[in-house]
C-alpha atoms as a PDB file:
ATOM      1  CA  UNK A   1       0.395  -0.194  -0.271  1.00  0.00           C
ATOM      2  CA  UNK A   2       0.864   3.564  -0.396  1.00  0.00           C
ATOM      3  CA  UNK A   3       1.798   5.987   1.870  1.00  0.00           C
ATOM      4  CA  UNK A   4       0.710   8.939   1.190  1.00  0.00           C
ATOM      5  CA  UNK A   5      -1.048  11.795   3.202  1.00  0.00           C
ATOM      6  CA  UNK A   6      -4.378  13.070   3.804  1.00  0.00           C
ATOM      7  CA  UNK A   7      -5.029  15.670   1.775  1.00  0.00           C
ATOM      8  CA  UNK A   8      -7.568  19.242   3.377  1.00  0.00           C
ATOM      9  CA  UNK A   9     -10.719  18.049   1.075  1.00  0.00           C
ATOM     10  CA  UNK A  10     -13.171  16.312   2.587  1.00  0.00           C
ATOM     11  CA  UNK A  11     -15.447  14.965   0.451  1.00  0.00           C
ATOM     12  CA  UNK A  12     -18.191  13.533   3.159  1.00  0.00           C
ATOM     13  CA  UNK A  13     -21.965  15.341   3.334  1.00  0.00           C
ATOM     14  CA  UNK A  14     -25.033  14.436   5.185  1.00  0.00           C
ATOM     15  CA  UNK A  15     -27.177  14.450   2.293  1.00  0.00           C
ATOM     16  CA  UNK A  16     -28.491  11.451  -0.338  1.00  0.00           C
ATOM     17  CA  UNK A  17     -25.926  12.258  -3.065  1.00  0.00           C
ATOM     18  CA  UNK A  18     -23.133   9.461  -4.226  1.00  0.00           C
ATOM     19  CA  UNK A  19     -19.780   9.742  -6.673  1.00  0.00           C
ATOM     20  CA  UNK A  20     -19.633   6.941  -8.722  1.00  0.00           C
ATOM     21  CA  UNK A  21     -16.668   5.488 -10.081  1.00  0.00           C
ATOM     22  CA  UNK A  22     -16.905   2.286 -12.684  1.00  0.00           C
ATOM     23  CA  UNK A  23     -13.704   0.446 -14.425  1.00  0.00           C
ATOM     24  CA  UNK A  24     -12.202  -2.369 -15.604  1.00  0.00           C
ATOM     25  CA  UNK A  25     -10.135  -5.162 -12.355  1.00  0.00           C
ATOM     26  CA  UNK A  26      -8.663  -8.106 -13.452  1.00  0.00           C
ATOM     27  CA  UNK A  27     -10.127  -9.995 -10.609  1.00  0.00           C
ATOM     28  CA  UNK A  28     -12.002  -9.821  -7.766  1.00  0.00           C
ATOM     29  CA  UNK A  29      -8.750 -10.366  -4.977  1.00  0.00           C
ATOM     30  CA  UNK A  30      -7.512  -7.590  -7.700  1.00  0.00           C
ATOM     31  CA  UNK A  31     -10.438  -5.620  -7.097  1.00  0.00           C
ATOM     32  CA  UNK A  32     -11.262  -5.605  -3.213  1.00  0.00           C
ATOM     33  CA  UNK A  33      -7.787  -4.959  -2.797  1.00  0.00           C
ATOM     34  CA  UNK A  34      -8.363  -1.612  -4.743  1.00  0.00           C
ATOM     35  CA  UNK A  35     -11.024   0.384  -2.183  1.00  0.00           C
ATOM     36  CA  UNK A  36      -9.396  -1.789   0.950  1.00  0.00           C
ATOM     37  CA  UNK A  37      -8.721   0.406   3.830  1.00  0.00           C
ATOM     38  CA  UNK A  38      -5.636   0.370   5.943  1.00  0.00           C
ATOM     39  CA  UNK A  39      -6.979   1.601   9.350  1.00  0.00           C
ATOM     40  CA  UNK A  40      -2.833   1.664  10.208  1.00  0.00           C
ATOM     41  CA  UNK A  41      -2.278   4.434   7.102  1.00  0.00           C
ATOM     42  CA  UNK A  42      -5.573   6.124   8.732  1.00  0.00           C
ATOM     43  CA  UNK A  43      -4.308   6.368  12.064  1.00  0.00           C
ATOM     44  CA  UNK A  44      -1.494   7.869  11.091  1.00  0.00           C
ATOM     45  CA  UNK A  45      -3.185  10.365   8.738  1.00  0.00           C
ATOM     46  CA  UNK A  46      -2.385   8.723   5.099  1.00  0.00           C
ATOM     47  CA  UNK A  47      -5.041   7.761   2.448  1.00  0.00           C
ATOM     48  CA  UNK A  48      -5.934   4.390   4.308  1.00  0.00           C
ATOM     49  CA  UNK A  49      -6.989   2.899   0.024  1.00  0.00           C
ATOM     50  CA  UNK A  50      -5.580   2.396  -2.887  1.00  0.00           C
ATOM     51  CA  UNK A  51      -8.187   3.888  -5.071  1.00  0.00           C
ATOM     52  CA  UNK A  52      -8.256   6.135  -2.861  1.00  0.00           C
ATOM     53  CA  UNK A  53      -4.595   7.753  -3.335  1.00  0.00           C
ATOM     54  CA  UNK A  54      -5.880   7.499  -7.286  1.00  0.00           C
ATOM     55  CA  UNK A  55      -8.065   9.343  -7.039  1.00  0.00           C
ATOM     56  CA  UNK A  56      -7.360  12.267  -3.567  1.00  0.00           C
ATOM     57  CA  UNK A  57     -10.047  11.038  -1.210  1.00  0.00           C
ATOM     58  CA  UNK A  58      -9.271  10.098   1.809  1.00  0.00           C
ATOM     59  CA  UNK A  59     -11.403   7.937   3.442  1.00  0.00           C
ATOM     60  CA  UNK A  60     -15.445   6.912   3.084  1.00  0.00           C
ATOM     61  CA  UNK A  61     -17.916   4.830   4.740  1.00  0.00           C
ATOM     62  CA  UNK A  62     -18.600   1.529   4.441  1.00  0.00           C
ATOM     63  CA  UNK A  63     -21.736   1.393   5.627  1.00  0.00           C
ATOM     64  CA  UNK A  64     -22.541   3.655   3.227  1.00  0.00           C
ATOM     65  CA  UNK A  65     -20.950   1.900   0.100  1.00  0.00           C
ATOM     66  CA  UNK A  66     -21.507  -0.503  -2.310  1.00  0.00           C
ATOM     67  CA  UNK A  67     -18.784  -2.041  -4.938  1.00  0.00           C
ATOM     68  CA  UNK A  68     -19.370  -4.952  -7.514  1.00  0.00           C
ATOM     69  CA  UNK A  69     -17.138  -6.684  -9.924  1.00  0.00           C
ATOM     70  CA  UNK A  70     -19.254  -8.389 -12.515  1.00  0.00           C
ATOM     71  CA  UNK A  71     -18.480 -11.232 -14.498  1.00  0.00           C
ATOM     72  CA  UNK A  72     -17.976  -9.876 -18.170  1.00  0.00           C
ATOM     73  CA  UNK A  73     -17.630  -5.995 -19.689  1.00  0.00           C
ATOM     74  CA  UNK A  74     -20.283  -4.110 -19.908  1.00  0.00           C
ATOM     75  CA  UNK A  75     -21.395  -0.912 -22.225  1.00  0.00           C
ATOM     76  CA  UNK A  76     -25.102  -1.547 -20.655  1.00  0.00           C
ATOM     77  CA  UNK A  77     -26.071   0.620 -16.972  1.00  0.00           C
ATOM     78  CA  UNK A  78     -27.938  -1.884 -16.522  1.00  0.00           C
ATOM     79  CA  UNK A  79     -25.782  -4.384 -16.758  1.00  0.00           C
ATOM     80  CA  UNK A  80     -23.156  -2.910 -14.844  1.00  0.00           C
ATOM     81  CA  UNK A  81     -24.838  -1.167 -11.778  1.00  0.00           C
ATOM     82  CA  UNK A  82     -27.313  -4.471 -11.446  1.00  0.00           C
ATOM     83  CA  UNK A  83     -26.436  -4.867  -8.030  1.00  0.00           C
ATOM     84  CA  UNK A  84     -25.651  -1.359  -7.169  1.00  0.00           C
ATOM     85  CA  UNK A  85     -28.471   0.297  -7.799  1.00  0.00           C
ATOM     86  CA  UNK A  86     -28.398   2.429  -4.460  1.00  0.00           C
ATOM     87  CA  UNK A  87     -28.881   5.491  -6.781  1.00  0.00           C
ATOM     88  CA  UNK A  88     -30.645   7.677  -9.576  1.00  0.00           C
ATOM     89  CA  UNK A  89     -29.601   4.867 -12.087  1.00  0.00           C
ATOM     90  CA  UNK A  90     -32.016   7.197 -14.838  1.00  0.00           C
ATOM     91  CA  UNK A  91     -29.687  10.156 -14.745  1.00  0.00           C
ATOM     92  CA  UNK A  92     -27.443   8.927 -15.534  1.00  0.00           C
ATOM     93  CA  UNK A  93     -28.533   6.635 -18.394  1.00  0.00           C
ATOM     94  CA  UNK A  94     -29.312  11.182 -19.022  1.00  0.00           C
ATOM     95  CA  UNK A  95     -25.886  11.230 -19.257  1.00  0.00           C
ATOM     96  CA  UNK A  96     -25.300   8.409 -21.301  1.00  0.00           C
ATOM     97  CA  UNK A  97     -28.195   7.801 -23.550  1.00  0.00           C
ATOM     98  CA  UNK A  98     -26.224   5.333 -25.317  1.00  0.00           C
ATOM     99  CA  UNK A  99     -24.334   3.361 -23.583  1.00  0.00           C
ATOM    100  CA  UNK A 100     -21.363   4.004 -21.660  1.00  0.00           C
ATOM    101  CA  UNK A 101     -17.926   5.567 -23.990  1.00  0.00           C
ATOM    102  CA  UNK A 102     -16.058   2.185 -23.306  1.00  0.00           C
ATOM    103  CA  UNK A 103     -16.512  -1.583 -21.569  1.00  0.00           C
ATOM    104  CA  UNK A 104     -16.351  -2.327 -17.574  1.00  0.00           C
ATOM    105  CA  UNK A 105     -17.356  -4.886 -15.280  1.00  0.00           C
ATOM    106  CA  UNK A 106     -16.894  -2.826 -12.048  1.00  0.00           C
ATOM    107  CA  UNK A 107     -19.016  -0.099 -10.991  1.00  0.00           C
ATOM    108  CA  UNK A 108     -18.042   1.541  -6.577  1.00  0.00           C
ATOM    109  CA  UNK A 109     -20.846   3.880  -5.405  1.00  0.00           C
ATOM    110  CA  UNK A 110     -19.675   5.718  -2.398  1.00  0.00           C
ATOM    111  CA  UNK A 111     -22.935   6.934  -0.292  1.00  0.00           C
ATOM    112  CA  UNK A 112     -22.750  10.377   1.743  1.00  0.00           C
ATOM    113  CA  UNK A 113     -19.680  12.284  -1.147  1.00  0.00           C
ATOM    114  CA  UNK A 114     -19.766  14.194  -2.893  1.00  0.00           C
ATOM    115  CA  UNK A 115     -16.295  13.794  -4.741  1.00  0.00           C
ATOM    116  CA  UNK A 116     -15.290  16.994  -6.796  1.00  0.00           C
ATOM    117  CA  UNK A 117     -14.217  14.794 -10.219  1.00  0.00           C
ATOM    118  CA  UNK A 118     -10.485  16.319  -9.818  1.00  0.00           C
ATOM    119  CA  UNK A 119      -9.449  13.193 -10.800  1.00  0.00           C
ATOM    120  CA  UNK A 120     -11.736  12.258 -13.124  1.00  0.00           C
ATOM    121  CA  UNK A 121      -9.846   8.674 -14.434  1.00  0.00           C
ATOM    122  CA  UNK A 122      -6.951   6.321 -13.638  1.00  0.00           C
ATOM    123  CA  UNK A 123      -4.901   3.918 -14.965  1.00  0.00           C
ATOM    124  CA  UNK A 124      -3.313   2.005 -12.475  1.00  0.00           C
ATOM    125  CA  UNK A 125      -0.678  -0.252 -13.505  1.00  0.00           C
ATOM    126  CA  UNK A 126      -1.580  -3.501 -10.742  1.00  0.00           C
ATOM    127  CA  UNK A 127      -5.294  -3.283 -10.493  1.00  0.00           C
ATOM    128  CA  UNK A 128      -6.885  -1.559 -13.920  1.00  0.00           C
ATOM    129  CA  UNK A 129      -8.694   1.565 -14.921  1.00  0.00           C
ATOM    130  CA  UNK A 130     -10.594   3.884 -13.744  1.00  0.00           C
ATOM    131  CA  UNK A 131     -13.041   6.417 -13.698  1.00  0.00           C
ATOM    132  CA  UNK A 132     -15.448   9.156 -12.147  1.00  0.00           C
ATOM    133  CA  UNK A 133     -19.026   9.039 -13.851  1.00  0.00           C
ATOM    134  CA  UNK A 134     -20.338  12.232 -11.199  1.00  0.00           C
ATOM    135  CA  UNK A 135     -22.447  12.863  -8.440  1.00  0.00           C
ATOM    136  CA  UNK A 136     -25.998  11.604  -8.069  1.00  0.00           C
ATOM    137  CA  UNK A 137     -28.744  11.681  -5.605  1.00  0.00           C
ATOM    138  CA  UNK A 138     -29.241   8.157  -3.698  1.00  0.00           C
ATOM    139  CA  UNK A 139     -31.809   5.907  -1.784  1.00  0.00           C
END
């Protein structure tokens, strides 16, 4: 795990908003390692997970997060968000009426977080390609 000091920006919110990321990851094991928290680093005021290092997010609340790796790649929103439908999927469909720009197999929904999109996409050599789609209303 890379040691990167936490930034002074917090994206947490009590509002019913969530930040949605999609990606292409090679395996379930790598996907889990990408968002798994390292509490020792958090206690040392470092960013506590690899995805956070990539996107500049200090931490997230596990009770309000959904991470799903689908078996196959798809550019169809309904297929990708299956088992992660905790936000306004129709708003995402309005943004991408013809499907997503490329095929993905991973979706990460960080609820109660309004990420500013400072980093839009990451091509991480170890974990894969990930992209921030936007902030949406959550249920």
